[in-house]
């Protein structure tokens, strides 16, 4: 079922300090300051010791679960899944965890890659079968950076070869136009398939200080935490505020993202009522 890492727990400040939001606002990235405001203000959290999967749940892991239980994912039951084609997100027939870009796109070569097209309920059901659970948002962030603040799991200096991000494939990206140009070329060549990498591929340099792999990039990760602002008075992007109280927090960024979206304190939010995509997966946690 995969190796787990003991996380010692302790006190830490969850979220981003003011200087980081200033840095993002001045950086060569296209999102407005309000997009990141839900990362502020930092809030004090105390965690007891717990265990976290060292690696993301893989396609092979998920196949063992399906064979043991006969489980069908939300994407399989509805007959389509969400992929990003050349011009944007589309619902494509036949897309699911074993056919991540549509029929005939699965391959034994994906077995050690993180499973994708899993909804929040799919991830919870797998975790329960494995005798585990989804991590809370606080547990995820602590495992990614430890008690001290780090922008990325390895530190505060961006290293393109430490994680699977769009910049690993495309080189430095500083605008949406540049990202779209890269992705359109990728779609024309390969079709809308996920560009995941084997779990732990970047472990030599990219692991967190507490020993967890792929906590920046590869695939976004579901947590158990209901989306809420750290402070209701924060002025944030209206689309982010709409998710509060309804969605579940997603962490870690993915192979589709710039360096700025794979930070330890970056927050995203996903609809837990059956939604999934080819850039989202998960790992499990366990009480000690």
C-alpha atoms as a PDB file:
ATOM      1  CA  UNK A   1       0.000   0.000   0.000  1.00  0.00           C
ATOM      2  CA  UNK A   2       3.009   2.295  -0.144  1.00  0.00           C
ATOM      3  CA  UNK A   3       5.484   3.654   2.352  1.00  0.00           C
ATOM      4  CA  UNK A   4       4.309   6.112   4.990  1.00  0.00           C
ATOM      5  CA  UNK A   5       6.389   8.788   6.686  1.00  0.00           C
ATOM      6  CA  UNK A   6       6.002   9.675  10.355  1.00  0.00           C
ATOM      7  CA  UNK A   7       5.292  13.388  10.732  1.00  0.00           C
ATOM      8  CA  UNK A   8       6.185  14.569  14.256  1.00  0.00           C
ATOM      9  CA  UNK A   9       3.511  17.252  14.463  1.00  0.00           C
ATOM     10  CA  UNK A  10       3.901  20.469  16.429  1.00  0.00           C
ATOM     11  CA  UNK A  11       2.993  24.134  16.214  1.00  0.00           C
ATOM     12  CA  UNK A  12       3.287  26.124  12.990  1.00  0.00           C
ATOM     13  CA  UNK A  13       1.891  29.157  11.215  1.00  0.00           C
ATOM     14  CA  UNK A  14      -0.255  27.982   8.317  1.00  0.00           C
ATOM     15  CA  UNK A  15      -0.539  30.203   5.272  1.00  0.00           C
ATOM     16  CA  UNK A  16       1.566  32.897   3.650  1.00  0.00           C
ATOM     17  CA  UNK A  17       3.301  35.820   5.371  1.00  0.00           C
ATOM     18  CA  UNK A  18       2.681  39.349   3.994  1.00  0.00           C
ATOM     19  CA  UNK A  19       6.069  39.530   2.286  1.00  0.00           C
ATOM     20  CA  UNK A  20       5.215  36.519   0.136  1.00  0.00           C
ATOM     21  CA  UNK A  21       2.037  38.132  -1.188  1.00  0.00           C
ATOM     22  CA  UNK A  22       4.095  41.257  -1.995  1.00  0.00           C
ATOM     23  CA  UNK A  23       6.594  39.045  -3.813  1.00  0.00           C
ATOM     24  CA  UNK A  24       3.820  37.336  -5.817  1.00  0.00           C
ATOM     25  CA  UNK A  25       2.337  40.715  -6.713  1.00  0.00           C
ATOM     26  CA  UNK A  26       5.670  41.845  -8.144  1.00  0.00           C
ATOM     27  CA  UNK A  27       6.591  38.551  -9.807  1.00  0.00           C
ATOM     28  CA  UNK A  28       6.281  37.674 -13.495  1.00  0.00           C
ATOM     29  CA  UNK A  29       3.021  35.802 -13.030  1.00  0.00           C
ATOM     30  CA  UNK A  30      -0.406  36.736 -14.423  1.00  0.00           C
ATOM     31  CA  UNK A  31      -2.717  36.406 -11.410  1.00  0.00           C
ATOM     32  CA  UNK A  32      -3.910  39.375  -9.331  1.00  0.00           C
ATOM     33  CA  UNK A  33      -2.977  39.882  -5.693  1.00  0.00           C
ATOM     34  CA  UNK A  34      -6.525  39.056  -4.580  1.00  0.00           C
ATOM     35  CA  UNK A  35      -6.177  35.558  -6.063  1.00  0.00           C
ATOM     36  CA  UNK A  36      -3.682  34.669  -3.321  1.00  0.00           C
ATOM     37  CA  UNK A  37      -5.422  36.501  -0.467  1.00  0.00           C
ATOM     38  CA  UNK A  38      -7.072  33.316   0.830  1.00  0.00           C
ATOM     39  CA  UNK A  39      -3.577  32.245   1.946  1.00  0.00           C
ATOM     40  CA  UNK A  40      -3.601  35.073   4.498  1.00  0.00           C
ATOM     41  CA  UNK A  41      -3.363  35.918   7.314  1.00  0.00           C
ATOM     42  CA  UNK A  42      -1.204  33.184   8.758  1.00  0.00           C
ATOM     43  CA  UNK A  43      -3.000  31.178  11.439  1.00  0.00           C
ATOM     44  CA  UNK A  44      -1.503  29.162  14.291  1.00  0.00           C
ATOM     45  CA  UNK A  45      -2.085  25.403  14.111  1.00  0.00           C
ATOM     46  CA  UNK A  46      -1.089  22.589  16.480  1.00  0.00           C
ATOM     47  CA  UNK A  47      -0.877  19.065  15.097  1.00  0.00           C
ATOM     48  CA  UNK A  48      -0.365  15.781  16.946  1.00  0.00           C
ATOM     49  CA  UNK A  49       1.997  13.261  15.314  1.00  0.00           C
ATOM     50  CA  UNK A  50       0.550  11.498  12.265  1.00  0.00           C
ATOM     51  CA  UNK A  51       1.607   9.507   9.224  1.00  0.00           C
ATOM     52  CA  UNK A  52       1.552  10.618   5.589  1.00  0.00           C
ATOM     53  CA  UNK A  53       2.020   8.638   2.388  1.00  0.00           C
ATOM     54  CA  UNK A  54       5.507   9.284   1.102  1.00  0.00           C
ATOM     55  CA  UNK A  55       4.197   9.066  -2.457  1.00  0.00           C
ATOM     56  CA  UNK A  56       1.013   9.933  -4.299  1.00  0.00           C
ATOM     57  CA  UNK A  57      -1.424   7.084  -4.884  1.00  0.00           C
ATOM     58  CA  UNK A  58      -0.431   5.537  -8.217  1.00  0.00           C
ATOM     59  CA  UNK A  59      -2.394   4.046 -11.088  1.00  0.00           C
ATOM     60  CA  UNK A  60      -1.212   0.582  -9.982  1.00  0.00           C
ATOM     61  CA  UNK A  61      -2.336   1.256  -6.383  1.00  0.00           C
ATOM     62  CA  UNK A  62      -5.760   2.334  -7.587  1.00  0.00           C
ATOM     63  CA  UNK A  63      -6.066  -0.684  -9.891  1.00  0.00           C
ATOM     64  CA  UNK A  64      -5.503  -3.019  -6.915  1.00  0.00           C
ATOM     65  CA  UNK A  65      -8.307  -1.233  -5.080  1.00  0.00           C
ATOM     66  CA  UNK A  66     -10.663  -1.502  -8.063  1.00  0.00           C
ATOM     67  CA  UNK A  67      -9.911  -5.193  -8.566  1.00  0.00           C
ATOM     68  CA  UNK A  68     -10.504  -5.901  -4.878  1.00  0.00           C
ATOM     69  CA  UNK A  69     -13.757  -3.957  -4.599  1.00  0.00           C
ATOM     70  CA  UNK A  70     -15.265  -3.565  -8.068  1.00  0.00           C
ATOM     71  CA  UNK A  71     -15.413   0.185  -7.442  1.00  0.00           C
ATOM     72  CA  UNK A  72     -16.394   2.510 -10.294  1.00  0.00           C
ATOM     73  CA  UNK A  73     -15.300   6.135 -10.099  1.00  0.00           C
ATOM     74  CA  UNK A  74     -17.592   9.100 -10.583  1.00  0.00           C
ATOM     75  CA  UNK A  75     -16.072   9.699 -14.032  1.00  0.00           C
ATOM     76  CA  UNK A  76     -16.754   6.097 -15.054  1.00  0.00           C
ATOM     77  CA  UNK A  77     -20.359   6.227 -13.863  1.00  0.00           C
ATOM     78  CA  UNK A  78     -21.158   9.413 -15.771  1.00  0.00           C
ATOM     79  CA  UNK A  79     -19.208   8.377 -18.878  1.00  0.00           C
ATOM     80  CA  UNK A  80     -16.937  11.395 -19.301  1.00  0.00           C
ATOM     81  CA  UNK A  81     -14.075  13.265 -17.646  1.00  0.00           C
ATOM     82  CA  UNK A  82     -12.539  16.725 -17.661  1.00  0.00           C
ATOM     83  CA  UNK A  83      -9.444  17.455 -19.754  1.00  0.00           C
ATOM     84  CA  UNK A  84      -7.846  20.673 -20.965  1.00  0.00           C
ATOM     85  CA  UNK A  85      -7.770  20.709 -24.753  1.00  0.00           C
ATOM     86  CA  UNK A  86      -6.000  23.327 -26.878  1.00  0.00           C
ATOM     87  CA  UNK A  87      -8.547  26.058 -26.095  1.00  0.00           C
ATOM     88  CA  UNK A  88      -9.750  25.159 -22.618  1.00  0.00           C
ATOM     89  CA  UNK A  89     -11.471  22.663 -20.316  1.00  0.00           C
ATOM     90  CA  UNK A  90     -13.861  20.198 -21.975  1.00  0.00           C
ATOM     91  CA  UNK A  91     -15.849  17.159 -20.865  1.00  0.00           C
ATOM     92  CA  UNK A  92     -14.574  14.275 -22.981  1.00  0.00           C
ATOM     93  CA  UNK A  93     -16.339  10.918 -23.355  1.00  0.00           C
ATOM     94  CA  UNK A  94     -14.526   7.836 -22.070  1.00  0.00           C
ATOM     95  CA  UNK A  95     -12.073   9.741 -19.891  1.00  0.00           C
ATOM     96  CA  UNK A  96     -11.368   8.160 -16.496  1.00  0.00           C
ATOM     97  CA  UNK A  97      -8.519   6.956 -14.267  1.00  0.00           C
ATOM     98  CA  UNK A  98      -7.404   4.154 -16.637  1.00  0.00           C
ATOM     99  CA  UNK A  99      -7.965   6.226 -19.829  1.00  0.00           C
ATOM    100  CA  UNK A 100      -6.730   9.670 -18.758  1.00  0.00           C
ATOM    101  CA  UNK A 101      -7.052  11.337 -22.174  1.00  0.00           C
ATOM    102  CA  UNK A 102      -9.931   9.249 -23.495  1.00  0.00           C
ATOM    103  CA  UNK A 103     -10.277   5.725 -24.952  1.00  0.00           C
ATOM    104  CA  UNK A 104      -6.995   3.973 -25.750  1.00  0.00           C
ATOM    105  CA  UNK A 105      -4.856   6.487 -23.844  1.00  0.00           C
ATOM    106  CA  UNK A 106      -4.095   4.195 -20.906  1.00  0.00           C
ATOM    107  CA  UNK A 107      -0.795   2.325 -20.817  1.00  0.00           C
ATOM    108  CA  UNK A 108       1.198   0.071 -18.462  1.00  0.00           C
ATOM    109  CA  UNK A 109       3.738   2.881 -18.597  1.00  0.00           C
ATOM    110  CA  UNK A 110       1.444   4.929 -16.368  1.00  0.00           C
ATOM    111  CA  UNK A 111       1.418   2.367 -13.531  1.00  0.00           C
ATOM    112  CA  UNK A 112       3.940   4.250 -11.393  1.00  0.00           C
ATOM    113  CA  UNK A 113       2.399   7.646 -12.193  1.00  0.00           C
ATOM    114  CA  UNK A 114      -0.121   9.281  -9.862  1.00  0.00           C
ATOM    115  CA  UNK A 115      -3.704   8.285 -10.548  1.00  0.00           C
ATOM    116  CA  UNK A 116      -5.865  11.118 -11.919  1.00  0.00           C
ATOM    117  CA  UNK A 117      -9.580  11.608 -12.630  1.00  0.00           C
ATOM    118  CA  UNK A 118     -10.457  10.776  -9.030  1.00  0.00           C
ATOM    119  CA  UNK A 119     -13.180  12.765  -7.308  1.00  0.00           C
ATOM    120  CA  UNK A 120     -13.174  13.659  -3.630  1.00  0.00           C
ATOM    121  CA  UNK A 121     -15.505  10.726  -2.947  1.00  0.00           C
ATOM    122  CA  UNK A 122     -13.333   8.375  -5.013  1.00  0.00           C
ATOM    123  CA  UNK A 123     -10.287   9.400  -2.965  1.00  0.00           C
ATOM    124  CA  UNK A 124     -12.117   8.990   0.335  1.00  0.00           C
ATOM    125  CA  UNK A 125     -13.391   5.551  -0.641  1.00  0.00           C
ATOM    126  CA  UNK A 126      -9.896   4.400  -1.586  1.00  0.00           C
ATOM    127  CA  UNK A 127      -8.456   5.776   1.654  1.00  0.00           C
ATOM    128  CA  UNK A 128     -11.067   3.971   3.757  1.00  0.00           C
ATOM    129  CA  UNK A 129     -10.353   0.694   1.919  1.00  0.00           C
ATOM    130  CA  UNK A 130      -6.635   1.171   2.616  1.00  0.00           C
ATOM    131  CA  UNK A 131      -7.250   1.784   6.332  1.00  0.00           C
ATOM    132  CA  UNK A 132      -6.274   5.422   5.968  1.00  0.00           C
ATOM    133  CA  UNK A 133      -7.925   8.810   5.341  1.00  0.00           C
ATOM    134  CA  UNK A 134      -7.351  11.994   3.406  1.00  0.00           C
ATOM    135  CA  UNK A 135      -5.026  14.472   5.128  1.00  0.00           C
ATOM    136  CA  UNK A 136      -6.374  17.728   6.481  1.00  0.00           C
ATOM    137  CA  UNK A 137      -5.155  20.903   4.835  1.00  0.00           C
ATOM    138  CA  UNK A 138      -3.001  21.663   7.886  1.00  0.00           C
ATOM    139  CA  UNK A 139      -1.448  18.192   7.839  1.00  0.00           C
ATOM    140  CA  UNK A 140      -0.682  18.551   4.148  1.00  0.00           C
ATOM    141  CA  UNK A 141       1.017  21.940   4.507  1.00  0.00           C
ATOM    142  CA  UNK A 142       3.046  20.875   7.540  1.00  0.00           C
ATOM    143  CA  UNK A 143       4.261  17.726   5.742  1.00  0.00           C
ATOM    144  CA  UNK A 144       5.204  19.875   2.732  1.00  0.00           C
ATOM    145  CA  UNK A 145       7.316  22.459   4.550  1.00  0.00           C
ATOM    146  CA  UNK A 146       7.759  21.543   8.230  1.00  0.00           C
ATOM    147  CA  UNK A 147       7.444  24.006  11.085  1.00  0.00           C
ATOM    148  CA  UNK A 148       9.476  26.739   9.380  1.00  0.00           C
ATOM    149  CA  UNK A 149       8.201  28.643   6.371  1.00  0.00           C
ATOM    150  CA  UNK A 150       9.453  27.526   2.940  1.00  0.00           C
ATOM    151  CA  UNK A 151       8.091  28.654  -0.398  1.00  0.00           C
ATOM    152  CA  UNK A 152       8.641  25.206  -1.929  1.00  0.00           C
ATOM    153  CA  UNK A 153       9.297  21.901  -0.151  1.00  0.00           C
ATOM    154  CA  UNK A 154      13.067  22.185  -0.641  1.00  0.00           C
ATOM    155  CA  UNK A 155      13.420  25.890   0.205  1.00  0.00           C
ATOM    156  CA  UNK A 156      12.955  29.427  -1.080  1.00  0.00           C
ATOM    157  CA  UNK A 157      14.918  29.208  -4.342  1.00  0.00           C
ATOM    158  CA  UNK A 158      13.070  27.909  -7.377  1.00  0.00           C
ATOM    159  CA  UNK A 159      14.714  24.909  -9.050  1.00  0.00           C
ATOM    160  CA  UNK A 160      13.033  23.773 -12.253  1.00  0.00           C
ATOM    161  CA  UNK A 161      14.457  20.234 -12.015  1.00  0.00           C
ATOM    162  CA  UNK A 162      13.060  19.631  -8.506  1.00  0.00           C
ATOM    163  CA  UNK A 163       9.402  19.172  -9.508  1.00  0.00           C
ATOM    164  CA  UNK A 164       7.106  18.292 -12.397  1.00  0.00           C
ATOM    165  CA  UNK A 165       5.592  21.597 -13.507  1.00  0.00           C
ATOM    166  CA  UNK A 166       4.812  23.205 -16.860  1.00  0.00           C
ATOM    167  CA  UNK A 167       8.218  24.875 -16.654  1.00  0.00           C
ATOM    168  CA  UNK A 168       9.957  21.499 -16.593  1.00  0.00           C
ATOM    169  CA  UNK A 169       8.457  20.821 -20.021  1.00  0.00           C
ATOM    170  CA  UNK A 170       8.297  24.323 -21.509  1.00  0.00           C
ATOM    171  CA  UNK A 171      11.038  26.334 -19.841  1.00  0.00           C
ATOM    172  CA  UNK A 172      10.341  29.566 -17.905  1.00  0.00           C
ATOM    173  CA  UNK A 173       6.761  30.779 -18.317  1.00  0.00           C
ATOM    174  CA  UNK A 174       5.717  34.274 -17.309  1.00  0.00           C
ATOM    175  CA  UNK A 175       2.411  34.849 -19.080  1.00  0.00           C
ATOM    176  CA  UNK A 176      -0.798  33.057 -19.879  1.00  0.00           C
ATOM    177  CA  UNK A 177      -0.117  33.592 -23.566  1.00  0.00           C
ATOM    178  CA  UNK A 178       3.209  31.742 -23.285  1.00  0.00           C
ATOM    179  CA  UNK A 179       1.542  28.933 -21.353  1.00  0.00           C
ATOM    180  CA  UNK A 180      -1.241  28.581 -23.957  1.00  0.00           C
ATOM    181  CA  UNK A 181       1.287  28.499 -26.798  1.00  0.00           C
ATOM    182  CA  UNK A 182       3.147  25.673 -25.056  1.00  0.00           C
ATOM    183  CA  UNK A 183       0.003  23.712 -24.268  1.00  0.00           C
ATOM    184  CA  UNK A 184      -1.474  24.060 -27.760  1.00  0.00           C
ATOM    185  CA  UNK A 185       1.749  22.633 -29.198  1.00  0.00           C
ATOM    186  CA  UNK A 186       1.636  19.759 -26.690  1.00  0.00           C
ATOM    187  CA  UNK A 187      -2.007  19.010 -27.555  1.00  0.00           C
ATOM    188  CA  UNK A 188      -1.279  18.987 -31.267  1.00  0.00           C
ATOM    189  CA  UNK A 189       1.573  16.538 -30.741  1.00  0.00           C
ATOM    190  CA  UNK A 190       0.190  14.239 -28.013  1.00  0.00           C
ATOM    191  CA  UNK A 191      -3.486  15.038 -27.556  1.00  0.00           C
ATOM    192  CA  UNK A 192      -4.923  16.214 -24.203  1.00  0.00           C
ATOM    193  CA  UNK A 193      -3.163  13.653 -22.009  1.00  0.00           C
ATOM    194  CA  UNK A 194      -1.684  14.305 -18.573  1.00  0.00           C
ATOM    195  CA  UNK A 195       2.049  14.930 -18.440  1.00  0.00           C
ATOM    196  CA  UNK A 196       2.549  13.311 -15.070  1.00  0.00           C
ATOM    197  CA  UNK A 197       5.823  11.700 -14.057  1.00  0.00           C
ATOM    198  CA  UNK A 198       6.540   8.587 -11.954  1.00  0.00           C
ATOM    199  CA  UNK A 199       6.035   9.240  -8.254  1.00  0.00           C
ATOM    200  CA  UNK A 200       9.276  10.027  -6.451  1.00  0.00           C
ATOM    201  CA  UNK A 201      11.121  10.873  -9.675  1.00  0.00           C
ATOM    202  CA  UNK A 202      12.412  14.119  -8.119  1.00  0.00           C
ATOM    203  CA  UNK A 203      13.125  12.723  -4.649  1.00  0.00           C
ATOM    204  CA  UNK A 204      16.875  13.338  -4.746  1.00  0.00           C
ATOM    205  CA  UNK A 205      16.352  17.114  -4.480  1.00  0.00           C
ATOM    206  CA  UNK A 206      12.615  17.793  -4.410  1.00  0.00           C
ATOM    207  CA  UNK A 207      11.340  15.958  -1.319  1.00  0.00           C
ATOM    208  CA  UNK A 208      10.048  17.915   1.630  1.00  0.00           C
ATOM    209  CA  UNK A 209      12.271  18.173   4.680  1.00  0.00           C
ATOM    210  CA  UNK A 210       9.999  15.601   6.362  1.00  0.00           C
ATOM    211  CA  UNK A 211      10.457  13.080   3.558  1.00  0.00           C
ATOM    212  CA  UNK A 212       7.359  13.389   1.360  1.00  0.00           C
ATOM    213  CA  UNK A 213       7.761  13.342  -2.421  1.00  0.00           C
ATOM    214  CA  UNK A 214       5.937  15.313  -5.142  1.00  0.00           C
ATOM    215  CA  UNK A 215       4.429  17.911  -2.820  1.00  0.00           C
ATOM    216  CA  UNK A 216       5.125  20.518  -5.476  1.00  0.00           C
ATOM    217  CA  UNK A 217       3.699  19.733  -8.900  1.00  0.00           C
ATOM    218  CA  UNK A 218       2.885  16.428 -10.606  1.00  0.00           C
ATOM    219  CA  UNK A 219      -0.799  16.445  -9.538  1.00  0.00           C
ATOM    220  CA  UNK A 220      -2.996  18.538  -7.287  1.00  0.00           C
ATOM    221  CA  UNK A 221      -4.008  16.696  -4.121  1.00  0.00           C
ATOM    222  CA  UNK A 222      -7.372  16.471  -2.401  1.00  0.00           C
ATOM    223  CA  UNK A 223      -7.564  17.170   1.314  1.00  0.00           C
ATOM    224  CA  UNK A 224     -10.415  16.482   3.731  1.00  0.00           C
ATOM    225  CA  UNK A 225     -10.776  20.164   4.671  1.00  0.00           C
ATOM    226  CA  UNK A 226     -13.848  22.213   3.805  1.00  0.00           C
ATOM    227  CA  UNK A 227     -12.799  25.439   2.095  1.00  0.00           C
ATOM    228  CA  UNK A 228     -12.914  28.405   4.478  1.00  0.00           C
ATOM    229  CA  UNK A 229     -11.063  31.715   4.657  1.00  0.00           C
ATOM    230  CA  UNK A 230      -8.462  32.073   7.386  1.00  0.00           C
ATOM    231  CA  UNK A 231     -10.090  35.444   8.123  1.00  0.00           C
ATOM    232  CA  UNK A 232     -13.558  36.426   6.880  1.00  0.00           C
ATOM    233  CA  UNK A 233     -12.389  40.027   6.505  1.00  0.00           C
ATOM    234  CA  UNK A 234      -9.896  39.193   3.770  1.00  0.00           C
ATOM    235  CA  UNK A 235     -10.580  40.742   0.360  1.00  0.00           C
ATOM    236  CA  UNK A 236     -10.097  37.914  -2.110  1.00  0.00           C
ATOM    237  CA  UNK A 237     -11.020  37.070  -5.680  1.00  0.00           C
ATOM    238  CA  UNK A 238     -14.818  36.620  -6.014  1.00  0.00           C
ATOM    239  CA  UNK A 239     -14.438  33.172  -7.594  1.00  0.00           C
ATOM    240  CA  UNK A 240     -12.357  32.050  -4.608  1.00  0.00           C
ATOM    241  CA  UNK A 241     -14.930  33.407  -2.154  1.00  0.00           C
ATOM    242  CA  UNK A 242     -17.685  31.501  -3.979  1.00  0.00           C
ATOM    243  CA  UNK A 243     -15.938  28.225  -3.107  1.00  0.00           C
ATOM    244  CA  UNK A 244     -15.956  28.883   0.623  1.00  0.00           C
ATOM    245  CA  UNK A 245     -18.194  26.602   2.642  1.00  0.00           C
ATOM    246  CA  UNK A 246     -18.909  24.459  -0.428  1.00  0.00           C
ATOM    247  CA  UNK A 247     -15.687  23.094  -1.890  1.00  0.00           C
ATOM    248  CA  UNK A 248     -12.764  21.115  -0.447  1.00  0.00           C
ATOM    249  CA  UNK A 249      -9.198  22.382  -0.334  1.00  0.00           C
ATOM    250  CA  UNK A 250      -6.753  21.090  -2.935  1.00  0.00           C
ATOM    251  CA  UNK A 251      -2.998  21.475  -2.492  1.00  0.00           C
ATOM    252  CA  UNK A 252       0.336  21.105  -4.255  1.00  0.00           C
ATOM    253  CA  UNK A 253      -0.153  22.312  -7.822  1.00  0.00           C
ATOM    254  CA  UNK A 254       0.370  20.106 -10.866  1.00  0.00           C
ATOM    255  CA  UNK A 255       2.281  19.407 -14.049  1.00  0.00           C
ATOM    256  CA  UNK A 256       0.126  22.112 -15.720  1.00  0.00           C
ATOM    257  CA  UNK A 257       1.197  24.946 -13.440  1.00  0.00           C
ATOM    258  CA  UNK A 258       3.784  27.719 -13.135  1.00  0.00           C
ATOM    259  CA  UNK A 259       6.203  27.750 -10.203  1.00  0.00           C
ATOM    260  CA  UNK A 260       3.921  30.160  -8.343  1.00  0.00           C
ATOM    261  CA  UNK A 261       1.030  27.665  -8.186  1.00  0.00           C
ATOM    262  CA  UNK A 262       3.083  24.807  -6.690  1.00  0.00           C
ATOM    263  CA  UNK A 263       4.064  26.557  -3.464  1.00  0.00           C
ATOM    264  CA  UNK A 264       3.572  24.930  -0.051  1.00  0.00           C
ATOM    265  CA  UNK A 265       1.010  27.544   1.043  1.00  0.00           C
ATOM    266  CA  UNK A 266      -0.875  27.844  -2.269  1.00  0.00           C
ATOM    267  CA  UNK A 267      -4.577  26.954  -1.936  1.00  0.00           C
ATOM    268  CA  UNK A 268      -6.988  25.741  -4.593  1.00  0.00           C
ATOM    269  CA  UNK A 269     -10.550  24.533  -4.147  1.00  0.00           C
ATOM    270  CA  UNK A 270     -12.463  21.706  -5.819  1.00  0.00           C
ATOM    271  CA  UNK A 271     -16.116  20.711  -5.993  1.00  0.00           C
ATOM    272  CA  UNK A 272     -16.474  17.520  -3.913  1.00  0.00           C
ATOM    273  CA  UNK A 273     -19.707  16.430  -5.615  1.00  0.00           C
ATOM    274  CA  UNK A 274     -18.176  14.262  -8.341  1.00  0.00           C
ATOM    275  CA  UNK A 275     -15.746  16.648 -10.060  1.00  0.00           C
ATOM    276  CA  UNK A 276     -12.323  15.414 -11.167  1.00  0.00           C
ATOM    277  CA  UNK A 277      -9.745  16.168 -13.859  1.00  0.00           C
ATOM    278  CA  UNK A 278      -6.555  14.905 -15.448  1.00  0.00           C
ATOM    279  CA  UNK A 279      -4.419  17.091 -13.163  1.00  0.00           C
ATOM    280  CA  UNK A 280      -5.832  15.977  -9.778  1.00  0.00           C
ATOM    281  CA  UNK A 281      -4.889  13.033  -7.564  1.00  0.00           C
ATOM    282  CA  UNK A 282      -4.276  12.391  -3.872  1.00  0.00           C
ATOM    283  CA  UNK A 283      -2.243  10.796  -1.121  1.00  0.00           C
ATOM    284  CA  UNK A 284      -3.419   9.417   2.216  1.00  0.00           C
ATOM    285  CA  UNK A 285      -2.729  10.092   5.866  1.00  0.00           C
ATOM    286  CA  UNK A 286      -3.206   8.053   9.017  1.00  0.00           C
ATOM    287  CA  UNK A 287      -3.489   8.728  12.725  1.00  0.00           C
ATOM    288  CA  UNK A 288      -0.495   7.553  14.697  1.00  0.00           C
END
